[in-house]
Amino acid sequence: MRSRSGWGLAFILMLVCAGACAREDGPPSTSGTPGAITLASDHPGLVEGFEWAKETALGYVRAGDPVGPWFEAALPGREAFCMRDVSHQAEGALALGLYDHTLN
């Protein structure tokens, strides 16, 4: 099991990447594959932590629901979302290609 500090570092990296992906001409394209973002580094621990965080986050994505696409943003296993948690996760979701999920 990964430590919280490893998860936190990967999450921060995702936020940084989200800022780099932001566009000034409107919302990002949603035609890409969720999770297509990658991280290249000479530090294998950073890459491993980033991949772990990405796969963990994608595990909470819900599709095919009558309410539309969304992602679980609450304590794990609750099949719900908390607006505060969504607001904290929105930039990472953008980097993962989940704009429509956040919008919903």
PDB file of N, CA and C in Angstrom:
ATOM      1  N   MET A   1       0.835  -1.176   0.000  1.00  0.00           N
ATOM      2  CA  MET A   1       0.000   0.000   0.000  1.00  0.00           C
ATOM      3  C   MET A   1       0.885   1.245   0.000  1.00  0.00           C
ATOM      4  N   ARG A   2       0.524   2.211  -0.812  1.00  0.00           N
ATOM      5  CA  ARG A   2       1.300   3.434  -0.955  1.00  0.00           C
ATOM      6  C   ARG A   2       1.017   4.368   0.218  1.00  0.00           C
ATOM      7  N   SER A   3       2.038   5.067   0.649  1.00  0.00           N
ATOM      8  CA  SER A   3       1.876   6.025   1.736  1.00  0.00           C
ATOM      9  C   SER A   3       1.116   7.254   1.258  1.00  0.00           C
ATOM     10  N   ARG A   4       0.541   7.975   2.188  1.00  0.00           N
ATOM     11  CA  ARG A   4      -0.184   9.195   1.847  1.00  0.00           C
ATOM     12  C   ARG A   4       0.729  10.223   1.198  1.00  0.00           C
ATOM     13  N   SER A   5       1.998  10.278   1.631  1.00  0.00           N
ATOM     14  CA  SER A   5       2.910  11.268   1.048  1.00  0.00           C
ATOM     15  C   SER A   5       3.164  10.979  -0.424  1.00  0.00           C
ATOM     16  N   GLY A   6       3.235   9.703  -0.814  1.00  0.00           N
ATOM     17  CA  GLY A   6       3.409   9.360  -2.224  1.00  0.00           C
ATOM     18  C   GLY A   6       2.192   9.746  -3.036  1.00  0.00           C
ATOM     19  N   TRP A   7       1.000   9.512  -2.466  1.00  0.00           N
ATOM     20  CA  TRP A   7      -0.232   9.894  -3.146  1.00  0.00           C
ATOM     21  C   TRP A   7      -0.294  11.401  -3.290  1.00  0.00           C
ATOM     22  N   GLY A   8       0.054  12.112  -2.226  1.00  0.00           N
ATOM     23  CA  GLY A   8      -0.007  13.570  -2.258  1.00  0.00           C
ATOM     24  C   GLY A   8       0.899  14.156  -3.325  1.00  0.00           C
ATOM     25  N   LEU A   9       2.102  13.616  -3.446  1.00  0.00           N
ATOM     26  CA  LEU A   9       3.042  14.103  -4.452  1.00  0.00           C
ATOM     27  C   LEU A   9       2.493  13.889  -5.850  1.00  0.00           C
ATOM     28  N   ALA A  10       1.939  12.714  -6.094  1.00  0.00           N
ATOM     29  CA  ALA A  10       1.380  12.436  -7.418  1.00  0.00           C
ATOM     30  C   ALA A  10       0.193  13.346  -7.701  1.00  0.00           C
ATOM     31  N   PHE A  11      -0.624  13.607  -6.688  1.00  0.00           N
ATOM     32  CA  PHE A  11      -1.771  14.488  -6.873  1.00  0.00           C
ATOM     33  C   PHE A  11      -1.309  15.906  -7.211  1.00  0.00           C
ATOM     34  N   ILE A  12      -0.278  16.374  -6.522  1.00  0.00           N
ATOM     35  CA  ILE A  12       0.265  17.704  -6.822  1.00  0.00           C
ATOM     36  C   ILE A  12       0.767  17.761  -8.260  1.00  0.00           C
ATOM     37  N   LEU A  13       1.424  16.699  -8.704  1.00  0.00           N
ATOM     38  CA  LEU A  13       1.897  16.654 -10.084  1.00  0.00           C
ATOM     39  C   LEU A  13       0.729  16.733 -11.052  1.00  0.00           C
ATOM     40  N   MET A  14      -0.367  16.055 -10.719  1.00  0.00           N
ATOM     41  CA  MET A  14      -1.537  16.105 -11.587  1.00  0.00           C
ATOM     42  C   MET A  14      -2.094  17.523 -11.647  1.00  0.00           C
ATOM     43  N   LEU A  15      -2.086  18.228 -10.524  1.00  0.00           N
ATOM     44  CA  LEU A  15      -2.575  19.602 -10.525  1.00  0.00           C
ATOM     45  C   LEU A  15      -1.703  20.502 -11.388  1.00  0.00           C
ATOM     46  N   VAL A  16      -0.405  20.297 -11.294  1.00  0.00           N
ATOM     47  CA  VAL A  16       0.522  21.081 -12.111  1.00  0.00           C
ATOM     48  C   VAL A  16       0.270  20.804 -13.591  1.00  0.00           C
ATOM     49  N   CYS A  17       0.100  19.535 -13.925  1.00  0.00           N
ATOM     50  CA  CYS A  17      -0.173  19.176 -15.317  1.00  0.00           C
ATOM     51  C   CYS A  17      -1.493  19.771 -15.789  1.00  0.00           C
ATOM     52  N   ALA A  18      -2.492  19.813 -14.903  1.00  0.00           N
ATOM     53  CA  ALA A  18      -3.786  20.375 -15.271  1.00  0.00           C
ATOM     54  C   ALA A  18      -3.644  21.847 -15.619  1.00  0.00           C
ATOM     55  N   GLY A  19      -2.841  22.563 -14.841  1.00  0.00           N
ATOM     56  CA  GLY A  19      -2.612  23.967 -15.133  1.00  0.00           C
ATOM     57  C   GLY A  19      -1.940  24.159 -16.475  1.00  0.00           C
ATOM     58  N   ALA A  20      -1.040  23.259 -16.819  1.00  0.00           N
ATOM     59  CA  ALA A  20      -0.347  23.340 -18.104  1.00  0.00           C
ATOM     60  C   ALA A  20      -1.278  22.990 -19.251  1.00  0.00           C
ATOM     61  N   CYS A  21      -2.333  22.218 -18.978  1.00  0.00           N
ATOM     62  CA  CYS A  21      -3.267  21.795 -20.016  1.00  0.00           C
ATOM     63  C   CYS A  21      -4.399  22.804 -20.236  1.00  0.00           C
ATOM     64  N   ALA A  22      -4.538  23.775 -19.342  1.00  0.00           N
ATOM     65  CA  ALA A  22      -5.652  24.716 -19.416  1.00  0.00           C
ATOM     66  C   ALA A  22      -5.588  25.518 -20.716  1.00  0.00           C
ATOM     67  N   ARG A  23      -6.758  25.824 -21.227  1.00  0.00           N
ATOM     68  CA  ARG A  23      -6.853  26.583 -22.460  1.00  0.00           C
ATOM     69  C   ARG A  23      -7.571  27.886 -22.187  1.00  0.00           C
ATOM     70  N   GLU A  24      -7.184  28.936 -22.908  1.00  0.00           N
ATOM     71  CA  GLU A  24      -7.825  30.231 -22.727  1.00  0.00           C
ATOM     72  C   GLU A  24      -8.983  30.430 -23.698  1.00  0.00           C
ATOM     73  N   ASP A  25      -9.143  29.558 -24.678  1.00  0.00           N
ATOM     74  CA  ASP A  25     -10.166  29.742 -25.704  1.00  0.00           C
ATOM     75  C   ASP A  25     -11.409  28.894 -25.456  1.00  0.00           C
ATOM     76  N   GLY A  26     -11.678  28.531 -24.227  1.00  0.00           N
ATOM     77  CA  GLY A  26     -12.882  27.777 -23.916  1.00  0.00           C
ATOM     78  C   GLY A  26     -12.565  26.447 -23.273  1.00  0.00           C
ATOM     79  N   PRO A  27     -13.597  25.640 -23.064  1.00  0.00           N
ATOM     80  CA  PRO A  27     -13.397  24.364 -22.402  1.00  0.00           C
ATOM     81  C   PRO A  27     -12.536  23.427 -23.241  1.00  0.00           C
ATOM     82  N   PRO A  28     -11.854  22.515 -22.588  1.00  0.00           N
ATOM     83  CA  PRO A  28     -10.997  21.584 -23.323  1.00  0.00           C
ATOM     84  C   PRO A  28     -11.812  20.620 -24.158  1.00  0.00           C
ATOM     85  N   SER A  29     -11.181  20.063 -25.139  1.00  0.00           N
ATOM     86  CA  SER A  29     -11.821  19.037 -25.947  1.00  0.00           C
ATOM     87  C   SER A  29     -12.086  17.818 -25.076  1.00  0.00           C
ATOM     88  N   THR A  30     -13.245  17.212 -25.262  1.00  0.00           N
ATOM     89  CA  THR A  30     -13.586  16.023 -24.482  1.00  0.00           C
ATOM     90  C   THR A  30     -13.545  14.770 -25.346  1.00  0.00           C
ATOM     91  N   SER A  31     -12.971  14.873 -26.524  1.00  0.00           N
ATOM     92  CA  SER A  31     -12.954  13.736 -27.432  1.00  0.00           C
ATOM     93  C   SER A  31     -11.812  12.769 -27.166  1.00  0.00           C
ATOM     94  N   GLY A  32     -10.900  13.145 -26.268  1.00  0.00           N
ATOM     95  CA  GLY A  32      -9.761  12.290 -25.968  1.00  0.00           C
ATOM     96  C   GLY A  32     -10.129  11.132 -25.063  1.00  0.00           C
ATOM     97  N   THR A  33      -9.197  10.249 -24.864  1.00  0.00           N
ATOM     98  CA  THR A  33      -9.386   9.104 -23.993  1.00  0.00           C
ATOM     99  C   THR A  33      -9.075   9.506 -22.558  1.00  0.00           C
ATOM    100  N   PRO A  34     -10.012   9.294 -21.622  1.00  0.00           N
ATOM    101  CA  PRO A  34      -9.713   9.612 -20.232  1.00  0.00           C
ATOM    102  C   PRO A  34      -8.453   8.884 -19.751  1.00  0.00           C
ATOM    103  N   GLY A  35      -7.595   9.612 -19.095  1.00  0.00           N
ATOM    104  CA  GLY A  35      -6.377   9.016 -18.556  1.00  0.00           C
ATOM    105  C   GLY A  35      -5.224   8.943 -19.519  1.00  0.00           C
ATOM    106  N   ALA A  36      -5.332   9.604 -20.663  1.00  0.00           N
ATOM    107  CA  ALA A  36      -4.270   9.526 -21.665  1.00  0.00           C
ATOM    108  C   ALA A  36      -3.020  10.296 -21.254  1.00  0.00           C
ATOM    109  N   ILE A  37      -3.111  11.139 -20.244  1.00  0.00           N
ATOM    110  CA  ILE A  37      -1.970  11.933 -19.798  1.00  0.00           C
ATOM    111  C   ILE A  37      -0.868  11.021 -19.243  1.00  0.00           C
ATOM    112  N   THR A  38       0.369  11.386 -19.508  1.00  0.00           N
ATOM    113  CA  THR A  38       1.511  10.623 -19.003  1.00  0.00           C
ATOM    114  C   THR A  38       2.511  11.578 -18.370  1.00  0.00           C
ATOM    115  N   LEU A  39       3.430  11.012 -17.616  1.00  0.00           N
ATOM    116  CA  LEU A  39       4.490  11.789 -16.995  1.00  0.00           C
ATOM    117  C   LEU A  39       5.811  11.114 -17.317  1.00  0.00           C
ATOM    118  N   ALA A  40       6.756  11.888 -17.822  1.00  0.00           N
ATOM    119  CA  ALA A  40       8.095  11.369 -18.095  1.00  0.00           C
ATOM    120  C   ALA A  40       9.062  12.029 -17.114  1.00  0.00           C
ATOM    121  N   SER A  41       9.905  11.220 -16.481  1.00  0.00           N
ATOM    122  CA  SER A  41      10.862  11.742 -15.523  1.00  0.00           C
ATOM    123  C   SER A  41      12.011  10.753 -15.378  1.00  0.00           C
ATOM    124  N   ASP A  42      13.170  11.273 -15.016  1.00  0.00           N
ATOM    125  CA  ASP A  42      14.306  10.415 -14.704  1.00  0.00           C
ATOM    126  C   ASP A  42      14.160   9.800 -13.314  1.00  0.00           C
ATOM    127  N   HIS A  43      13.195  10.271 -12.554  1.00  0.00           N
ATOM    128  CA  HIS A  43      12.959   9.762 -11.202  1.00  0.00           C
ATOM    129  C   HIS A  43      11.849   8.712 -11.262  1.00  0.00           C
ATOM    130  N   PRO A  44      12.189   7.427 -11.170  1.00  0.00           N
ATOM    131  CA  PRO A  44      11.170   6.388 -11.309  1.00  0.00           C
ATOM    132  C   PRO A  44      10.076   6.463 -10.254  1.00  0.00           C
ATOM    133  N   GLY A  45      10.387   6.967  -9.067  1.00  0.00           N
ATOM    134  CA  GLY A  45       9.376   7.076  -8.021  1.00  0.00           C
ATOM    135  C   GLY A  45       8.282   8.065  -8.377  1.00  0.00           C
ATOM    136  N   LEU A  46       8.647   9.151  -9.057  1.00  0.00           N
ATOM    137  CA  LEU A  46       7.649  10.124  -9.498  1.00  0.00           C
ATOM    138  C   LEU A  46       6.715   9.518 -10.533  1.00  0.00           C
ATOM    139  N   VAL A  47       7.294   8.815 -11.488  1.00  0.00           N
ATOM    140  CA  VAL A  47       6.487   8.195 -12.540  1.00  0.00           C
ATOM    141  C   VAL A  47       5.568   7.133 -11.933  1.00  0.00           C
ATOM    142  N   GLU A  48       6.110   6.325 -11.049  1.00  0.00           N
ATOM    143  CA  GLU A  48       5.320   5.275 -10.399  1.00  0.00           C
ATOM    144  C   GLU A  48       4.177   5.888  -9.577  1.00  0.00           C
ATOM    145  N   GLY A  49       4.477   6.927  -8.808  1.00  0.00           N
ATOM    146  CA  GLY A  49       3.449   7.589  -8.011  1.00  0.00           C
ATOM    147  C   GLY A  49       2.379   8.232  -8.872  1.00  0.00           C
ATOM    148  N   PHE A  50       2.788   8.848  -9.970  1.00  0.00           N
ATOM    149  CA  PHE A  50       1.840   9.476 -10.884  1.00  0.00           C
ATOM    150  C   PHE A  50       0.915   8.426 -11.490  1.00  0.00           C
ATOM    151  N   GLU A  51       1.497   7.320 -11.961  1.00  0.00           N
ATOM    152  CA  GLU A  51       0.685   6.255 -12.566  1.00  0.00           C
ATOM    153  C   GLU A  51      -0.283   5.663 -11.550  1.00  0.00           C
ATOM    154  N   TRP A  52       0.189   5.470 -10.316  1.00  0.00           N
ATOM    155  CA  TRP A  52      -0.680   4.942  -9.267  1.00  0.00           C
ATOM    156  C   TRP A  52      -1.856   5.892  -9.014  1.00  0.00           C
ATOM    157  N   ALA A  53      -1.563   7.183  -8.899  1.00  0.00           N
ATOM    158  CA  ALA A  53      -2.614   8.163  -8.635  1.00  0.00           C
ATOM    159  C   ALA A  53      -3.606   8.226  -9.804  1.00  0.00           C
ATOM    160  N   LYS A  54      -3.095   8.159 -11.025  1.00  0.00           N
ATOM    161  CA  LYS A  54      -3.960   8.201 -12.202  1.00  0.00           C
ATOM    162  C   LYS A  54      -4.891   7.001 -12.233  1.00  0.00           C
ATOM    163  N   GLU A  55      -4.344   5.815 -12.057  1.00  0.00           N
ATOM    164  CA  GLU A  55      -5.167   4.597 -12.078  1.00  0.00           C
ATOM    165  C   GLU A  55      -6.168   4.577 -10.928  1.00  0.00           C
ATOM    166  N   THR A  56      -5.745   5.053  -9.761  1.00  0.00           N
ATOM    167  CA  THR A  56      -6.658   5.114  -8.619  1.00  0.00           C
ATOM    168  C   THR A  56      -7.804   6.065  -8.913  1.00  0.00           C
ATOM    169  N   ALA A  57      -7.501   7.252  -9.429  1.00  0.00           N
ATOM    170  CA  ALA A  57      -8.532   8.234  -9.751  1.00  0.00           C
ATOM    171  C   ALA A  57      -9.493   7.691 -10.807  1.00  0.00           C
ATOM    172  N   LEU A  58      -8.971   7.042 -11.835  1.00  0.00           N
ATOM    173  CA  LEU A  58      -9.832   6.505 -12.899  1.00  0.00           C
ATOM    174  C   LEU A  58     -10.745   5.394 -12.389  1.00  0.00           C
ATOM    175  N   GLY A  59     -10.363   4.762 -11.294  1.00  0.00           N
ATOM    176  CA  GLY A  59     -11.201   3.724 -10.698  1.00  0.00           C
ATOM    177  C   GLY A  59     -12.496   4.265 -10.115  1.00  0.00           C
ATOM    178  N   TYR A  60     -12.576   5.582  -9.940  1.00  0.00           N
ATOM    179  CA  TYR A  60     -13.778   6.204  -9.381  1.00  0.00           C
ATOM    180  C   TYR A  60     -14.650   6.864 -10.447  1.00  0.00           C
ATOM    181  N   VAL A  61     -14.312   6.670 -11.714  1.00  0.00           N
ATOM    182  CA  VAL A  61     -15.067   7.256 -12.821  1.00  0.00           C
ATOM    183  C   VAL A  61     -16.297   6.390 -13.102  1.00  0.00           C
ATOM    184  N   ARG A  62     -17.434   7.042 -13.299  1.00  0.00           N
ATOM    185  CA  ARG A  62     -18.683   6.343 -13.600  1.00  0.00           C
ATOM    186  C   ARG A  62     -19.195   6.794 -14.966  1.00  0.00           C
ATOM    187  N   ALA A  63     -19.506   5.838 -15.794  1.00  0.00           N
ATOM    188  CA  ALA A  63     -20.061   6.109 -17.122  1.00  0.00           C
ATOM    189  C   ALA A  63     -21.268   5.204 -17.321  1.00  0.00           C
ATOM    190  N   GLY A  64     -22.131   5.570 -18.238  1.00  0.00           N
ATOM    191  CA  GLY A  64     -23.310   4.760 -18.519  1.00  0.00           C
ATOM    192  C   GLY A  64     -24.407   4.913 -17.482  1.00  0.00           C
ATOM    193  N   ASP A  65     -24.328   5.906 -16.639  1.00  0.00           N
ATOM    194  CA  ASP A  65     -25.329   6.164 -15.616  1.00  0.00           C
ATOM    195  C   ASP A  65     -26.431   7.027 -16.225  1.00  0.00           C
ATOM    196  N   PRO A  66     -27.693   6.826 -15.852  1.00  0.00           N
ATOM    197  CA  PRO A  66     -28.775   7.657 -16.404  1.00  0.00           C
ATOM    198  C   PRO A  66     -28.579   9.160 -16.173  1.00  0.00           C
ATOM    199  N   VAL A  67     -27.841   9.542 -15.131  1.00  0.00           N
ATOM    200  CA  VAL A  67     -27.616  10.972 -14.877  1.00  0.00           C
ATOM    201  C   VAL A  67     -26.473  11.531 -15.703  1.00  0.00           C
ATOM    202  N   GLY A  68     -25.747  10.682 -16.400  1.00  0.00           N
ATOM    203  CA  GLY A  68     -24.625  11.113 -17.220  1.00  0.00           C
ATOM    204  C   GLY A  68     -23.300  10.734 -16.587  1.00  0.00           C
ATOM    205  N   PRO A  69     -22.180  11.149 -17.197  1.00  0.00           N
ATOM    206  CA  PRO A  69     -20.859  10.799 -16.681  1.00  0.00           C
ATOM    207  C   PRO A  69     -20.540  11.570 -15.395  1.00  0.00           C
ATOM    208  N   TRP A  70     -19.930  10.883 -14.441  1.00  0.00           N
ATOM    209  CA  TRP A  70     -19.535  11.525 -13.188  1.00  0.00           C
ATOM    210  C   TRP A  70     -18.421  10.712 -12.560  1.00  0.00           C
ATOM    211  N   PHE A  71     -17.820  11.257 -11.508  1.00  0.00           N
ATOM    212  CA  PHE A  71     -16.824  10.493 -10.755  1.00  0.00           C
ATOM    213  C   PHE A  71     -17.124  10.620  -9.270  1.00  0.00           C
ATOM    214  N   GLU A  72     -16.873   9.534  -8.575  1.00  0.00           N
ATOM    215  CA  GLU A  72     -17.103   9.499  -7.136  1.00  0.00           C
ATOM    216  C   GLU A  72     -16.130  10.466  -6.468  1.00  0.00           C
ATOM    217  N   ALA A  73     -16.658  11.373  -5.676  1.00  0.00           N
ATOM    218  CA  ALA A  73     -15.836  12.366  -4.990  1.00  0.00           C
ATOM    219  C   ALA A  73     -16.329  12.476  -3.548  1.00  0.00           C
ATOM    220  N   ALA A  74     -16.108  11.419  -2.828  1.00  0.00           N
ATOM    221  CA  ALA A  74     -16.480  11.346  -1.417  1.00  0.00           C
ATOM    222  C   ALA A  74     -15.579  10.280  -0.809  1.00  0.00           C
ATOM    223  N   LEU A  75     -15.840   9.924   0.423  1.00  0.00           N
ATOM    224  CA  LEU A  75     -15.065   8.827   0.995  1.00  0.00           C
ATOM    225  C   LEU A  75     -15.263   7.596   0.132  1.00  0.00           C
ATOM    226  N   PRO A  76     -14.210   6.819  -0.122  1.00  0.00           N
ATOM    227  CA  PRO A  76     -14.305   5.662  -1.027  1.00  0.00           C
ATOM    228  C   PRO A  76     -15.454   4.713  -0.680  1.00  0.00           C
ATOM    229  N   GLY A  77     -16.109   4.247  -1.737  1.00  0.00           N
ATOM    230  CA  GLY A  77     -17.162   3.256  -1.598  1.00  0.00           C
ATOM    231  C   GLY A  77     -18.542   3.815  -1.324  1.00  0.00           C
ATOM    232  N   ARG A  78     -18.700   5.105  -1.376  1.00  0.00           N
ATOM    233  CA  ARG A  78     -20.006   5.693  -1.067  1.00  0.00           C
ATOM    234  C   ARG A  78     -20.862   5.935  -2.304  1.00  0.00           C
ATOM    235  N   GLU A  79     -20.285   5.758  -3.495  1.00  0.00           N
ATOM    236  CA  GLU A  79     -21.033   5.987  -4.738  1.00  0.00           C
ATOM    237  C   GLU A  79     -21.752   7.329  -4.696  1.00  0.00           C
ATOM    238  N   ALA A  80     -21.028   8.366  -4.301  1.00  0.00           N
ATOM    239  CA  ALA A  80     -21.620   9.690  -4.143  1.00  0.00           C
ATOM    240  C   ALA A  80     -20.575  10.748  -4.441  1.00  0.00           C
ATOM    241  N   PHE A  81     -20.966  12.007  -4.259  1.00  0.00           N
ATOM    242  CA  PHE A  81     -19.996  13.077  -4.382  1.00  0.00           C
ATOM    243  C   PHE A  81     -20.340  14.178  -3.388  1.00  0.00           C
ATOM    244  N   CYS A  82     -19.340  14.876  -2.991  1.00  0.00           N
ATOM    245  CA  CYS A  82     -19.437  16.020  -2.098  1.00  0.00           C
ATOM    246  C   CYS A  82     -18.904  17.203  -2.887  1.00  0.00           C
ATOM    247  N   MET A  83     -19.640  18.285  -2.957  1.00  0.00           N
ATOM    248  CA  MET A  83     -19.219  19.422  -3.768  1.00  0.00           C
ATOM    249  C   MET A  83     -17.844  19.938  -3.358  1.00  0.00           C
ATOM    250  N   ARG A  84     -17.535  19.907  -2.066  1.00  0.00           N
ATOM    251  CA  ARG A  84     -16.207  20.338  -1.620  1.00  0.00           C
ATOM    252  C   ARG A  84     -15.141  19.438  -2.223  1.00  0.00           C
ATOM    253  N   ASP A  85     -15.370  18.117  -2.206  1.00  0.00           N
ATOM    254  CA  ASP A  85     -14.399  17.184  -2.770  1.00  0.00           C
ATOM    255  C   ASP A  85     -14.279  17.356  -4.278  1.00  0.00           C
ATOM    256  N   VAL A  86     -15.396  17.582  -4.950  1.00  0.00           N
ATOM    257  CA  VAL A  86     -15.352  17.820  -6.400  1.00  0.00           C
ATOM    258  C   VAL A  86     -14.504  19.052  -6.692  1.00  0.00           C
ATOM    259  N   SER A  87     -14.681  20.104  -5.902  1.00  0.00           N
ATOM    260  CA  SER A  87     -13.914  21.324  -6.159  1.00  0.00           C
ATOM    261  C   SER A  87     -12.417  21.088  -5.970  1.00  0.00           C
ATOM    262  N   HIS A  88     -12.055  20.213  -5.056  1.00  0.00           N
ATOM    263  CA  HIS A  88     -10.636  19.898  -4.844  1.00  0.00           C
ATOM    264  C   HIS A  88     -10.080  19.022  -5.968  1.00  0.00           C
ATOM    265  N   GLN A  89     -10.931  18.242  -6.594  1.00  0.00           N
ATOM    266  CA  GLN A  89     -10.483  17.268  -7.584  1.00  0.00           C
ATOM    267  C   GLN A  89     -10.662  17.735  -9.025  1.00  0.00           C
ATOM    268  N   ALA A  90     -11.288  18.873  -9.241  1.00  0.00           N
ATOM    269  CA  ALA A  90     -11.629  19.315 -10.594  1.00  0.00           C
ATOM    270  C   ALA A  90     -10.419  19.501 -11.497  1.00  0.00           C
ATOM    271  N   GLU A  91      -9.337  20.086 -10.999  1.00  0.00           N
ATOM    272  CA  GLU A  91      -8.151  20.305 -11.838  1.00  0.00           C
ATOM    273  C   GLU A  91      -7.498  18.981 -12.238  1.00  0.00           C
ATOM    274  N   GLY A  92      -7.401  18.045 -11.313  1.00  0.00           N
ATOM    275  CA  GLY A  92      -6.862  16.732 -11.640  1.00  0.00           C
ATOM    276  C   GLY A  92      -7.746  16.012 -12.642  1.00  0.00           C
ATOM    277  N   ALA A  93      -9.070  16.155 -12.474  1.00  0.00           N
ATOM    278  CA  ALA A  93     -10.008  15.543 -13.413  1.00  0.00           C
ATOM    279  C   ALA A  93      -9.838  16.130 -14.807  1.00  0.00           C
ATOM    280  N   LEU A  94      -9.611  17.424 -14.894  1.00  0.00           N
ATOM    281  CA  LEU A  94      -9.371  18.070 -16.189  1.00  0.00           C
ATOM    282  C   LEU A  94      -8.142  17.460 -16.857  1.00  0.00           C
ATOM    283  N   ALA A  95      -7.071  17.291 -16.083  1.00  0.00           N
ATOM    284  CA  ALA A  95      -5.850  16.706 -16.641  1.00  0.00           C
ATOM    285  C   ALA A  95      -6.085  15.283 -17.119  1.00  0.00           C
ATOM    286  N   LEU A  96      -6.991  14.570 -16.456  1.00  0.00           N
ATOM    287  CA  LEU A  96      -7.291  13.189 -16.841  1.00  0.00           C
ATOM    288  C   LEU A  96      -8.277  13.101 -18.002  1.00  0.00           C
ATOM    289  N   GLY A  97      -8.761  14.234 -18.486  1.00  0.00           N
ATOM    290  CA  GLY A  97      -9.704  14.204 -19.607  1.00  0.00           C
ATOM    291  C   GLY A  97     -11.136  13.976 -19.160  1.00  0.00           C
ATOM    292  N   LEU A  98     -11.462  14.362 -17.935  1.00  0.00           N
ATOM    293  CA  LEU A  98     -12.799  14.127 -17.385  1.00  0.00           C
ATOM    294  C   LEU A  98     -13.613  15.409 -17.263  1.00  0.00           C
ATOM    295  N   TYR A  99     -13.458  16.302 -18.214  1.00  0.00           N
ATOM    296  CA  TYR A  99     -14.174  17.580 -18.170  1.00  0.00           C
ATOM    297  C   TYR A  99     -15.677  17.372 -18.087  1.00  0.00           C
ATOM    298  N   ASP A 100     -16.232  16.519 -18.946  1.00  0.00           N
ATOM    299  CA  ASP A 100     -17.679  16.268 -18.937  1.00  0.00           C
ATOM    300  C   ASP A 100     -18.136  15.682 -17.609  1.00  0.00           C
ATOM    301  N   HIS A 101     -17.306  14.853 -17.001  1.00  0.00           N
ATOM    302  CA  HIS A 101     -17.650  14.261 -15.714  1.00  0.00           C
ATOM    303  C   HIS A 101     -17.733  15.319 -14.621  1.00  0.00           C
ATOM    304  N   THR A 102     -16.843  16.294 -14.672  1.00  0.00           N
ATOM    305  CA  THR A 102     -16.847  17.369 -13.688  1.00  0.00           C
ATOM    306  C   THR A 102     -18.005  18.325 -13.957  1.00  0.00           C
ATOM    307  N   LEU A 103     -18.262  18.619 -15.209  1.00  0.00           N
ATOM    308  CA  LEU A 103     -19.347  19.509 -15.590  1.00  0.00           C
ATOM    309  C   LEU A 103     -20.681  18.956 -15.105  1.00  0.00           C
ATOM    310  N   ASN A 104     -20.869  17.655 -15.256  1.00  0.00           N
ATOM    311  CA  ASN A 104     -22.112  17.024 -14.837  1.00  0.00           C
ATOM    312  C   ASN A 104     -22.274  17.119 -13.343  1.00  0.00           C
TER     313      ASN A 104
END
